[in-house]
Amino acid sequence: MNAHSIYLLILAVFLGLLPTVPVEAQQHRATRLGNPAFRFAKPLQKPADLRALFANPKLRADIASILEQAQWPGDVEDLRRAAATADIIAVKLPTGTRLPFMSSRNKGKPVALIDVLWAGKEPISAYQFDFASRGRKYRCITPKLCANFLVVDLGPLIAVELTKTAPKEVSLCDPIEMTLTVRNTGGQALNQVQVVDTLPAGLQPIEGSGPLTFDAGTLPPGASRTFTFQARATSAGTLVNQAHVTSAEGGTAQASCAIKVHAPVLALECKPPADSRGSKPFDVCLVVSNTGDATEPQTTVTLPIPAGATFVGATEGGIAADGRITWNLGALPPGESRSLCTTWTSAAPGSLAIAPSASGTCASPVQSRCEAQIAGIPAILLEVIDLADPIEVGNPVTYEIRVTNQGSAPLTNIRMTGFLPDSQEYVSGSGATPVQAADRTVTMEALGRLEAKADAVWRVVSKALRVDDARFKVELTSDQFQRPVEEFEATAQY
């Protein structure tokens, strides 16, 4: 029988159906109990009644007879002494338990029924206590209604018990105190008692490494030793820790506990400005969140100031020092977020790499990245001048056309067209791009790109045909302007 079945042993007898054949001839199937004709003694009301049963001198011979019929190898005096002092507990015995034997009576005489099956509809209330005799451990179980007792063999007297205690739930970075208690629950001393605790992956001792070994030495019967140590979790989740104890006599036991480890998990988001132009201040915001299931005790966010940017200010107490902005946010509970913003300016257009990081005393550090695109402001200056004025009829007129990018953004796809007056005719053209003419319309081939603060120059030469207050017109277009830029230059021809 396994330990569970032993613990749940049932004592019962047929009501008025005791067999007349020898006890060893068949199994006894019991469905009811408590009939005065077949119960061993009076019903039990309290533990003291059970003690009185085994102490009753009138029942001494009957008890010995029952144990002899059942061929019990122990000493009946050990049973009597244990009944007087042992801890007696109440148990519920369910239907379906098979019993090695039980006491009963037949016409008043003590009878040991061998191999009894309780087949009643309801569990039975009983008392039980453990005791030792002749090197083995036994359990005496007695139903209250009929006092029909039996003794169950629990095995050799060598017995050791191990218990392990630890917090059921911890945070990842908290120290975990664990306790191991080994107890000699048998009837003889145990020698060379050793406890080994093998920590699972995700759990490690604060001091030392590998399996932890504790020497309990010699343990007399009933003695115990307690060992305490601290561990730390290295990963979240449910961790099952198992330990075992051994002795020189062959005693062994195991114990385990499950610890649920909660952990903070940091997440960091970088939010660049939607639109930033020129030297206008712009904001870069960060959102740090705890997506784990434990509080991060000390959250720190750091943001290096990118090259080309000038720090203006920060929210939430951000401090700029040593080329970076730092926020010391303190505790960040699970599920909570903090929004942090900075204000910067940039002298030149371009892309600014934003690379913040967040760390804690418990959570693993995280990084984020985004880019702030600083757009330049397009601005253009178109100048058209005649290099000599006034001009005598028949002489050449030279116009210089200068395009200057006064803004902070490159100009692209610059196209220009010049319109000579009727009093002039085209002679030649040169400059940053080739020049050609059709009649009096002069076209400069497109200039693909003109960087900020740069300029480009063209010259157009015409011939004065007659006296006139002439006007030379130039129109400029580029990708950055929706309407043409126009410029006129007057020339006096005489």
Protein backbone atom coordinates (compact mmCIF):
# COMPACT_ATOMS: atom_id res chain seq x y z
CA MET A 1 0.00 0.00 0.00
CA ASN A 2 1.27 3.50 -0.77
CA ALA A 3 1.54 6.19 1.87
CA HIS A 4 -1.67 7.90 0.73
CA SER A 5 -3.71 4.69 1.04
CA ILE A 6 -2.19 3.97 4.42
CA TYR A 7 -3.15 7.38 5.67
CA LEU A 8 -6.72 6.85 4.48
CA LEU A 9 -7.25 3.32 5.85
CA ILE A 10 -10.80 2.49 6.83
CA LEU A 11 -12.12 0.19 9.47
CA ALA A 12 -15.62 -1.23 9.06
CA VAL A 13 -17.58 -4.49 9.24
CA PHE A 14 -20.72 -5.93 7.76
CA LEU A 15 -23.80 -5.29 9.87
CA GLY A 16 -24.70 -8.81 11.02
CA LEU A 17 -22.85 -10.52 8.10
CA LEU A 18 -19.65 -11.86 9.70
CA PRO A 19 -18.39 -14.89 7.78
CA THR A 20 -18.26 -18.34 9.39
CA VAL A 21 -15.33 -19.48 7.23
CA PRO A 22 -11.68 -19.02 8.37
CA VAL A 23 -10.50 -15.37 8.30
CA GLU A 24 -7.88 -15.95 5.65
CA ALA A 25 -10.32 -17.60 3.23
CA GLN A 26 -11.71 -14.49 1.51
CA GLN A 27 -11.71 -10.72 1.34
CA HIS A 28 -14.21 -8.95 3.62
CA ARG A 29 -16.31 -6.33 1.91
CA ALA A 30 -17.76 -3.89 4.46
CA THR A 31 -20.56 -1.45 3.69
CA ARG A 32 -21.80 -0.48 7.17
CA LEU A 33 -20.32 -0.32 10.65
CA GLY A 34 -21.18 0.30 14.28
CA ASN A 35 -23.26 -2.84 15.04
CA PRO A 36 -22.75 -3.52 18.78
CA ALA A 37 -22.50 -7.25 18.06
CA PHE A 38 -19.36 -6.85 15.95
CA ARG A 39 -17.60 -3.71 17.17
CA PHE A 40 -14.44 -4.24 19.17
CA ALA A 41 -15.27 -1.69 21.89
CA LYS A 42 -17.57 1.20 22.67
CA PRO A 43 -17.70 4.11 20.14
CA LEU A 44 -15.07 6.81 20.59
CA GLN A 45 -16.11 10.40 21.29
CA LYS A 46 -12.72 12.01 21.91
CA PRO A 47 -9.01 11.12 21.78
CA ALA A 48 -9.06 10.32 25.49
CA ASP A 49 -11.47 7.44 24.74
CA LEU A 50 -8.87 5.90 22.43
CA ARG A 51 -6.17 6.19 25.10
CA ALA A 52 -8.52 4.55 27.57
CA LEU A 53 -9.22 1.68 25.14
CA PHE A 54 -5.58 0.60 24.96
CA ALA A 55 -5.04 1.23 28.69
CA ASN A 56 -8.08 -0.86 29.73
CA PRO A 57 -6.76 -4.00 31.52
CA LYS A 58 -9.92 -5.90 30.55
CA LEU A 59 -9.04 -5.46 26.85
CA ARG A 60 -5.33 -6.28 27.20
CA ALA A 61 -5.71 -9.93 26.26
CA ASP A 62 -8.15 -9.18 23.41
CA ILE A 63 -5.79 -6.60 21.88
CA ALA A 64 -2.90 -9.06 22.06
CA SER A 65 -5.10 -11.75 20.46
CA ILE A 66 -6.04 -9.49 17.54
CA LEU A 67 -2.38 -8.64 16.85
CA GLU A 68 -1.36 -12.28 17.11
CA GLN A 69 -4.08 -13.33 14.65
CA ALA A 70 -2.88 -10.63 12.24
CA GLN A 71 0.70 -11.91 12.72
CA TRP A 72 1.88 -8.45 13.71
CA PRO A 73 5.64 -8.66 14.48
CA GLY A 74 5.81 -5.72 16.87
CA ASP A 75 5.63 -5.49 20.66
CA VAL A 76 2.13 -4.87 21.99
CA GLU A 77 3.60 -2.90 24.91
CA ASP A 78 5.03 -0.36 22.44
CA LEU A 79 1.49 0.12 21.08
CA ARG A 80 0.04 0.63 24.56
CA ARG A 81 2.72 3.12 25.60
CA ALA A 82 2.32 5.10 22.36
CA ALA A 83 -1.47 5.22 22.77
CA ALA A 84 -0.97 6.92 26.13
CA THR A 85 1.35 9.69 24.91
CA ALA A 86 1.35 9.98 21.09
CA ASP A 87 -0.35 12.79 19.20
CA ILE A 88 -3.79 11.58 18.15
CA ILE A 89 -5.33 13.22 15.10
CA ALA A 90 -8.77 12.95 13.48
CA VAL A 91 -8.94 11.81 9.86
CA LYS A 92 -11.60 11.15 7.21
CA LEU A 93 -11.41 7.74 5.57
CA PRO A 94 -12.98 7.56 2.08
CA THR A 95 -14.77 4.77 0.33
CA GLY A 96 -12.65 2.26 -1.57
CA THR A 97 -9.74 1.82 0.84
CA ARG A 98 -8.38 -1.71 1.23
CA LEU A 99 -7.23 -2.68 4.75
CA PRO A 100 -4.62 -5.33 5.62
CA PHE A 101 -6.62 -6.37 8.71
CA MET A 102 -8.96 -5.02 11.40
CA SER A 103 -10.22 -6.02 14.83
CA SER A 104 -13.78 -7.22 15.34
CA ARG A 105 -15.79 -9.60 17.48
CA ASN A 106 -17.75 -12.77 16.84
CA LYS A 107 -20.04 -13.77 19.65
CA GLY A 108 -17.96 -11.60 21.94
CA LYS A 109 -14.64 -13.14 21.03
CA PRO A 110 -11.87 -11.01 19.44
CA VAL A 111 -11.52 -11.72 15.72
CA ALA A 112 -8.97 -10.27 13.27
CA LEU A 113 -10.53 -9.83 9.83
CA ILE A 114 -7.86 -10.02 7.12
CA ASP A 115 -8.01 -7.98 3.88
CA VAL A 116 -11.03 -5.73 4.40
CA LEU A 117 -12.46 -3.44 1.71
CA TRP A 118 -14.54 -0.49 2.85
CA ALA A 119 -17.36 -0.18 0.30
CA GLY A 120 -19.69 2.14 2.17
CA LYS A 121 -21.19 5.24 0.61
CA GLU A 122 -19.65 7.82 2.94
CA PRO A 123 -16.18 8.41 4.40
CA ILE A 124 -15.60 7.34 8.02
CA SER A 125 -14.34 9.51 10.85
CA ALA A 126 -11.41 7.91 12.67
CA TYR A 127 -8.51 8.59 15.02
CA GLN A 128 -4.89 7.72 14.27
CA PHE A 129 -1.43 7.91 15.89
CA ASP A 130 2.05 6.79 14.91
CA PHE A 131 4.49 4.76 16.99
CA ALA A 132 7.65 2.67 16.71
CA SER A 133 8.31 -0.94 17.63
CA ARG A 134 11.25 -3.28 17.01
CA GLY A 135 12.96 -1.04 14.48
CA ARG A 136 9.89 -0.20 12.37
CA LYS A 137 7.34 2.57 12.31
CA TYR A 138 3.61 1.85 12.53
CA ARG A 139 0.31 3.68 12.43
CA CYS A 140 -2.71 2.70 14.47
CA ILE A 141 -6.07 3.73 12.98
CA THR A 142 -9.40 3.36 14.78
CA PRO A 143 -12.85 4.39 13.41
CA LYS A 144 -14.88 6.24 16.01
CA LEU A 145 -18.16 4.35 15.49
CA CYS A 146 -16.90 0.82 16.14
CA ALA A 147 -13.43 1.12 17.77
CA ASN A 148 -12.23 -1.64 15.43
CA PHE A 149 -8.52 -0.87 15.32
CA LEU A 150 -5.73 -1.94 12.99
CA VAL A 151 -1.97 -1.39 12.77
CA VAL A 152 -0.27 -0.49 9.50
CA ASP A 153 3.43 -0.99 8.80
CA LEU A 154 5.00 2.29 7.61
CA GLY A 155 8.43 0.85 7.00
CA PRO A 156 11.85 0.94 8.66
CA LEU A 157 12.28 3.22 11.63
CA ILE A 158 14.89 5.27 9.80
CA ALA A 159 13.01 8.36 8.68
CA VAL A 160 14.06 11.89 7.85
CA GLU A 161 11.98 14.91 6.88
CA LEU A 162 13.08 17.96 4.88
CA THR A 163 11.14 21.20 4.54
CA LYS A 164 12.07 24.21 2.43
CA THR A 165 10.57 27.67 2.81
CA ALA A 166 10.97 30.78 0.66
CA PRO A 167 8.80 33.78 -0.30
CA LYS A 168 6.12 32.86 -2.82
CA GLU A 169 6.63 36.08 -4.79
CA VAL A 170 9.68 38.34 -5.09
CA SER A 171 11.02 41.12 -7.26
CA LEU A 172 13.92 40.35 -9.57
CA CYS A 173 16.50 42.38 -7.66
CA ASP A 174 15.39 41.61 -4.12
CA PRO A 175 17.46 39.15 -2.06
CA ILE A 176 15.55 35.94 -1.43
CA GLU A 177 15.94 34.31 1.99
CA MET A 178 15.54 30.54 1.91
CA THR A 179 15.34 28.15 4.84
CA LEU A 180 16.01 24.40 4.91
CA THR A 181 14.98 22.35 7.96
CA VAL A 182 15.96 18.70 8.31
CA ARG A 183 14.33 16.63 11.06
CA ASN A 184 14.90 13.07 12.25
CA THR A 185 11.35 11.71 12.42
CA GLY A 186 12.47 8.13 12.99
CA GLY A 187 13.36 6.21 16.12
CA GLN A 188 17.13 6.01 15.82
CA ALA A 189 19.96 8.50 15.42
CA LEU A 190 20.99 9.50 11.90
CA ASN A 191 24.64 10.10 11.05
CA GLN A 192 26.40 12.09 8.35
CA VAL A 193 23.20 13.94 7.54
CA GLN A 194 23.73 16.16 4.51
CA VAL A 195 21.38 18.57 2.73
CA VAL A 196 22.03 19.56 -0.90
CA ASP A 197 20.09 22.40 -2.52
CA THR A 198 20.40 22.60 -6.30
CA LEU A 199 19.26 26.02 -7.48
CA PRO A 200 17.53 26.12 -10.87
CA ALA A 201 18.56 28.25 -13.83
CA GLY A 202 17.47 31.82 -13.08
CA LEU A 203 18.39 31.58 -9.39
CA GLN A 204 21.85 31.89 -7.87
CA PRO A 205 23.23 32.20 -4.34
CA ILE A 206 24.41 35.62 -3.26
CA GLU A 207 27.51 33.95 -1.80
CA GLY A 208 29.17 31.02 -3.52
CA SER A 209 28.02 29.15 -6.59
CA GLY A 210 26.68 25.81 -7.77
CA PRO A 211 24.74 23.35 -5.56
CA LEU A 212 24.72 24.39 -1.90
CA THR A 213 25.73 21.69 0.60
CA PHE A 214 24.91 21.81 4.32
CA ASP A 215 26.23 19.26 6.84
CA ALA A 216 23.79 18.53 9.68
CA GLY A 217 26.08 15.96 11.31
CA THR A 218 24.35 13.54 13.69
CA LEU A 219 20.64 13.95 14.44
CA PRO A 220 19.13 12.08 17.41
CA PRO A 221 15.47 11.01 17.10
CA GLY A 222 13.24 14.10 16.99
CA ALA A 223 16.18 16.49 16.52
CA SER A 224 16.36 19.02 13.69
CA ARG A 225 18.77 21.47 12.08
CA THR A 226 17.90 24.62 10.16
CA PHE A 227 20.02 26.26 7.48
CA THR A 228 19.38 29.69 6.00
CA PHE A 229 20.92 31.28 2.92
CA GLN A 230 20.18 34.10 0.50
CA ALA A 231 19.77 33.87 -3.26
CA ARG A 232 19.02 36.27 -6.07
CA ALA A 233 16.90 35.76 -9.17
CA THR A 234 18.48 36.48 -12.54
CA SER A 235 15.36 36.03 -14.65
CA ALA A 236 11.62 36.48 -14.25
CA GLY A 237 9.01 33.74 -14.15
CA THR A 238 8.15 30.86 -11.84
CA LEU A 239 11.27 29.12 -10.55
CA VAL A 240 11.04 25.71 -8.86
CA ASN A 241 13.79 25.00 -6.36
CA GLN A 242 14.45 21.44 -5.14
CA ALA A 243 16.61 20.13 -2.30
CA HIS A 244 17.28 16.66 -0.86
CA VAL A 245 18.74 15.16 2.32
CA THR A 246 20.66 11.92 2.86
CA SER A 247 22.14 10.08 5.86
CA ALA A 248 24.67 7.28 6.34
CA GLU A 249 21.84 4.94 7.32
CA GLY A 250 20.08 5.41 3.98
CA GLY A 251 17.47 7.92 5.10
CA THR A 252 16.46 10.32 2.34
CA ALA A 253 13.84 12.97 1.65
CA GLN A 254 13.17 15.78 -0.81
CA ALA A 255 11.58 19.20 -0.59
CA SER A 256 10.80 21.87 -3.14
CA CYS A 257 9.27 25.31 -3.38
CA ALA A 258 8.08 27.53 -6.23
CA ILE A 259 8.95 31.22 -6.36
CA LYS A 260 7.26 33.64 -8.74
CA VAL A 261 9.76 36.30 -9.76
CA HIS A 262 8.41 39.67 -10.88
CA ALA A 263 10.62 42.03 -12.86
CA PRO A 264 10.56 45.61 -14.12
CA VAL A 265 11.05 46.01 -17.87
CA LEU A 266 11.95 49.42 -19.27
CA ALA A 267 10.85 50.63 -22.70
CA LEU A 268 11.99 53.90 -24.29
CA GLU A 269 10.46 55.81 -27.19
CA CYS A 270 12.07 58.75 -28.99
CA LYS A 271 9.78 61.33 -30.61
CA PRO A 272 11.51 63.79 -33.01
CA PRO A 273 9.93 67.14 -33.95
CA ALA A 274 7.34 67.00 -36.69
CA ASP A 275 8.76 70.09 -38.41
CA SER A 276 11.76 72.25 -37.63
CA ARG A 277 13.13 75.05 -39.78
CA GLY A 278 16.20 77.21 -39.44
CA SER A 279 17.21 78.45 -36.02
CA LYS A 280 13.71 78.16 -34.60
CA PRO A 281 13.69 76.17 -31.27
CA PHE A 282 12.37 72.63 -31.57
CA ASP A 283 11.40 69.88 -29.10
CA VAL A 284 12.54 66.28 -28.85
CA CYS A 285 10.44 64.19 -26.45
CA LEU A 286 11.08 60.81 -24.84
CA VAL A 287 8.63 58.40 -23.22
CA VAL A 288 10.02 55.90 -20.72
CA SER A 289 7.67 53.12 -19.59
CA ASN A 290 7.76 50.15 -17.24
CA THR A 291 6.13 47.28 -19.12
CA GLY A 292 7.07 44.68 -16.50
CA ASP A 293 5.20 43.52 -13.39
CA ALA A 294 7.46 45.00 -10.68
CA THR A 295 8.54 48.53 -9.72
CA GLU A 296 11.89 49.78 -10.95
CA PRO A 297 13.36 51.48 -7.83
CA GLN A 298 15.54 54.04 -9.60
CA THR A 299 14.96 54.99 -13.23
CA THR A 300 17.54 57.14 -15.04
CA VAL A 301 17.20 58.48 -18.59
CA THR A 302 20.18 59.94 -20.44
CA LEU A 303 20.19 61.87 -23.72
CA PRO A 304 23.48 62.96 -25.34
CA ILE A 305 23.24 66.39 -26.97
CA PRO A 306 23.94 65.78 -30.66
CA ALA A 307 26.62 67.70 -32.49
CA GLY A 308 25.22 70.86 -34.06
CA ALA A 309 22.43 71.29 -31.48
CA THR A 310 22.30 73.81 -28.64
CA PHE A 311 20.43 72.90 -25.45
CA VAL A 312 17.72 75.34 -24.38
CA GLY A 313 15.79 73.55 -21.66
CA ALA A 314 14.21 70.30 -20.40
CA THR A 315 11.07 69.24 -18.56
CA GLU A 316 10.80 66.94 -15.51
CA GLY A 317 14.00 68.23 -13.95
CA GLY A 318 16.36 67.23 -16.74
CA ILE A 319 19.88 68.54 -16.12
CA ALA A 320 22.41 69.24 -18.87
CA ALA A 321 26.04 68.49 -17.98
CA ASP A 322 29.04 66.96 -19.71
CA GLY A 323 27.36 67.01 -23.10
CA ARG A 324 24.25 65.12 -22.04
CA ILE A 325 20.86 65.63 -20.42
CA THR A 326 20.05 63.39 -17.44
CA TRP A 327 16.75 62.70 -15.69
CA ASN A 328 16.75 60.93 -12.31
CA LEU A 329 13.14 59.81 -12.08
CA GLY A 330 13.17 57.59 -8.99
CA ALA A 331 10.70 54.71 -8.74
CA LEU A 332 8.67 53.74 -11.81
CA PRO A 333 5.78 51.36 -10.95
CA PRO A 334 4.64 48.72 -13.46
CA GLY A 335 2.35 50.02 -16.17
CA GLU A 336 3.39 53.66 -15.70
CA SER A 337 5.12 56.02 -18.15
CA ARG A 338 6.91 59.37 -17.92
CA SER A 339 7.15 61.89 -20.73
CA LEU A 340 10.37 63.92 -20.94
CA CYS A 341 10.93 66.77 -23.39
CA THR A 342 13.93 68.87 -24.35
CA THR A 343 14.17 72.09 -26.34
CA TRP A 344 17.06 72.71 -28.70
CA THR A 345 18.15 74.96 -31.52
CA SER A 346 20.36 74.14 -34.50
CA ALA A 347 22.47 76.60 -36.46
CA ALA A 348 22.51 74.57 -39.63
CA PRO A 349 20.00 72.40 -41.43
CA GLY A 350 20.53 68.68 -41.58
CA SER A 351 19.84 65.48 -39.66
CA LEU A 352 20.48 65.26 -35.90
CA ALA A 353 20.91 61.73 -34.50
CA ILE A 354 19.02 61.39 -31.20
CA ALA A 355 20.23 58.38 -29.14
CA PRO A 356 18.71 58.27 -25.62
CA SER A 357 19.07 55.41 -23.12
CA ALA A 358 17.26 54.35 -19.93
CA SER A 359 18.56 52.26 -17.06
CA GLY A 360 17.63 51.19 -13.55
CA THR A 361 19.03 49.38 -10.55
CA CYS A 362 17.00 46.30 -11.45
CA ALA A 363 15.73 46.50 -15.02
CA SER A 364 18.07 45.89 -17.94
CA PRO A 365 19.15 49.08 -19.77
CA VAL A 366 17.43 49.97 -23.04
CA GLN A 367 18.22 52.34 -25.89
CA SER A 368 16.23 54.16 -28.52
CA ARG A 369 17.03 56.20 -31.60
CA CYS A 370 15.38 58.76 -33.81
CA GLU A 371 16.44 61.62 -36.08
CA ALA A 372 15.49 65.27 -36.04
CA GLN A 373 15.38 66.70 -39.53
CA ILE A 374 16.25 70.41 -39.44
CA ALA A 375 15.03 71.97 -42.66
CA GLY A 376 16.75 75.03 -44.11
CA ILE A 377 14.87 78.17 -45.22
CA PRO A 378 15.13 78.92 -48.93
CA ALA A 379 15.93 82.55 -49.87
CA ILE A 380 17.22 83.85 -53.17
CA LEU A 381 18.70 87.10 -54.49
CA LEU A 382 18.56 87.75 -58.23
CA GLU A 383 20.74 90.63 -59.43
CA VAL A 384 20.95 91.92 -63.05
CA ILE A 385 23.29 94.84 -63.83
CA ASP A 386 24.74 96.32 -67.00
CA LEU A 387 28.49 96.71 -66.71
CA ALA A 388 28.47 100.02 -68.66
CA ASP A 389 25.71 102.57 -68.95
CA PRO A 390 24.91 104.63 -71.07
CA ILE A 391 25.76 102.76 -74.27
CA GLU A 392 26.29 104.35 -77.71
CA VAL A 393 24.23 102.81 -80.44
CA GLY A 394 26.17 100.12 -82.27
CA ASN A 395 28.24 99.17 -79.23
CA PRO A 396 27.84 95.99 -77.14
CA VAL A 397 25.86 95.91 -73.90
CA THR A 398 27.09 93.41 -71.26
CA TYR A 399 24.67 92.26 -68.54
CA GLU A 400 25.86 90.34 -65.48
CA ILE A 401 23.30 88.07 -63.86
CA ARG A 402 24.12 86.90 -60.33
CA VAL A 403 22.03 84.41 -58.32
CA THR A 404 22.84 84.25 -54.59
CA ASN A 405 21.40 81.64 -52.20
CA GLN A 406 20.79 83.81 -49.13
CA GLY A 407 18.92 81.06 -47.26
CA SER A 408 20.01 78.01 -45.26
CA ALA A 409 18.69 75.36 -47.63
CA PRO A 410 20.13 74.39 -51.01
CA LEU A 411 18.35 75.65 -54.12
CA THR A 412 17.69 73.05 -56.79
CA ASN A 413 16.83 73.04 -60.48
CA ILE A 414 17.45 76.75 -61.01
CA ARG A 415 16.27 77.91 -64.46
CA MET A 416 16.54 81.43 -65.92
CA THR A 417 15.21 83.13 -69.02
CA GLY A 418 16.24 86.60 -70.25
CA PHE A 419 14.18 88.83 -72.55
CA LEU A 420 16.14 91.42 -74.60
CA PRO A 421 14.34 94.65 -75.62
CA ASP A 422 13.50 95.34 -79.28
CA SER A 423 16.34 97.86 -79.41
CA GLN A 424 18.97 95.16 -78.88
CA GLU A 425 20.07 91.95 -80.52
CA TYR A 426 21.76 88.92 -78.89
CA VAL A 427 25.49 88.50 -79.37
CA SER A 428 26.75 85.86 -76.87
CA GLY A 429 26.32 84.34 -73.42
CA SER A 430 28.40 82.49 -70.80
CA GLY A 431 28.43 81.58 -67.14
CA ALA A 432 27.67 78.84 -64.61
CA THR A 433 25.73 76.90 -67.25
CA PRO A 434 25.60 77.16 -71.05
CA VAL A 435 23.59 80.03 -72.56
CA GLN A 436 21.67 80.02 -75.80
CA ALA A 437 19.21 82.37 -77.50
CA ALA A 438 16.30 82.25 -79.93
CA ASP A 439 15.72 85.70 -81.35
CA ARG A 440 15.63 87.95 -78.27
CA THR A 441 14.82 85.17 -75.72
CA VAL A 442 17.94 84.08 -73.87
CA THR A 443 17.91 80.75 -71.98
CA MET A 444 20.37 79.61 -69.33
CA GLU A 445 20.63 75.85 -68.96
CA ALA A 446 19.30 74.66 -65.56
CA LEU A 447 21.66 74.73 -62.57
CA GLY A 448 21.00 71.57 -60.59
CA ARG A 449 22.02 72.74 -57.10
CA LEU A 450 23.19 75.90 -55.41
CA GLU A 451 24.30 75.52 -51.81
CA ALA A 452 23.34 77.94 -49.06
CA LYS A 453 25.32 81.22 -49.18
CA ALA A 454 26.79 80.34 -52.60
CA ASP A 455 26.24 82.26 -55.82
CA ALA A 456 26.33 81.63 -59.57
CA VAL A 457 27.07 84.19 -62.34
CA TRP A 458 26.15 84.44 -66.01
CA ARG A 459 26.89 87.17 -68.64
CA VAL A 460 24.78 88.06 -71.63
CA VAL A 461 26.20 90.31 -74.39
CA SER A 462 23.85 92.17 -76.78
CA LYS A 463 24.23 95.01 -79.29
CA ALA A 464 22.47 98.38 -79.01
CA LEU A 465 20.55 98.93 -82.26
CA ARG A 466 18.96 102.35 -81.70
CA VAL A 467 18.40 105.05 -79.16
CA ASP A 468 16.20 103.73 -76.38
CA ASP A 469 15.50 103.61 -72.65
CA ALA A 470 15.93 99.81 -72.83
CA ARG A 471 14.81 97.25 -70.30
CA PHE A 472 16.40 93.75 -69.97
CA LYS A 473 14.15 91.34 -68.04
CA VAL A 474 15.23 88.09 -66.34
CA GLU A 475 12.90 85.46 -64.85
CA LEU A 476 14.14 82.79 -62.42
CA THR A 477 12.43 79.62 -61.22
CA SER A 478 13.54 76.82 -58.82
CA ASP A 479 12.00 73.90 -56.94
CA GLN A 480 11.77 75.98 -53.79
CA PHE A 481 9.55 78.78 -55.17
CA GLN A 482 6.05 78.49 -56.55
CA ARG A 483 6.24 81.77 -58.54
CA PRO A 484 9.01 83.12 -60.81
CA VAL A 485 11.45 85.72 -59.46
CA GLU A 486 11.72 88.70 -61.84
CA GLU A 487 14.40 91.36 -62.21
CA PHE A 488 14.78 94.28 -64.71
CA GLU A 489 17.81 96.29 -65.67
CA ALA A 490 17.53 99.66 -67.49
CA THR A 491 20.07 100.75 -70.09
CA ALA A 492 20.27 104.15 -71.69
CA GLN A 493 21.17 103.85 -75.39
CA TYR A 494 22.14 107.08 -77.28
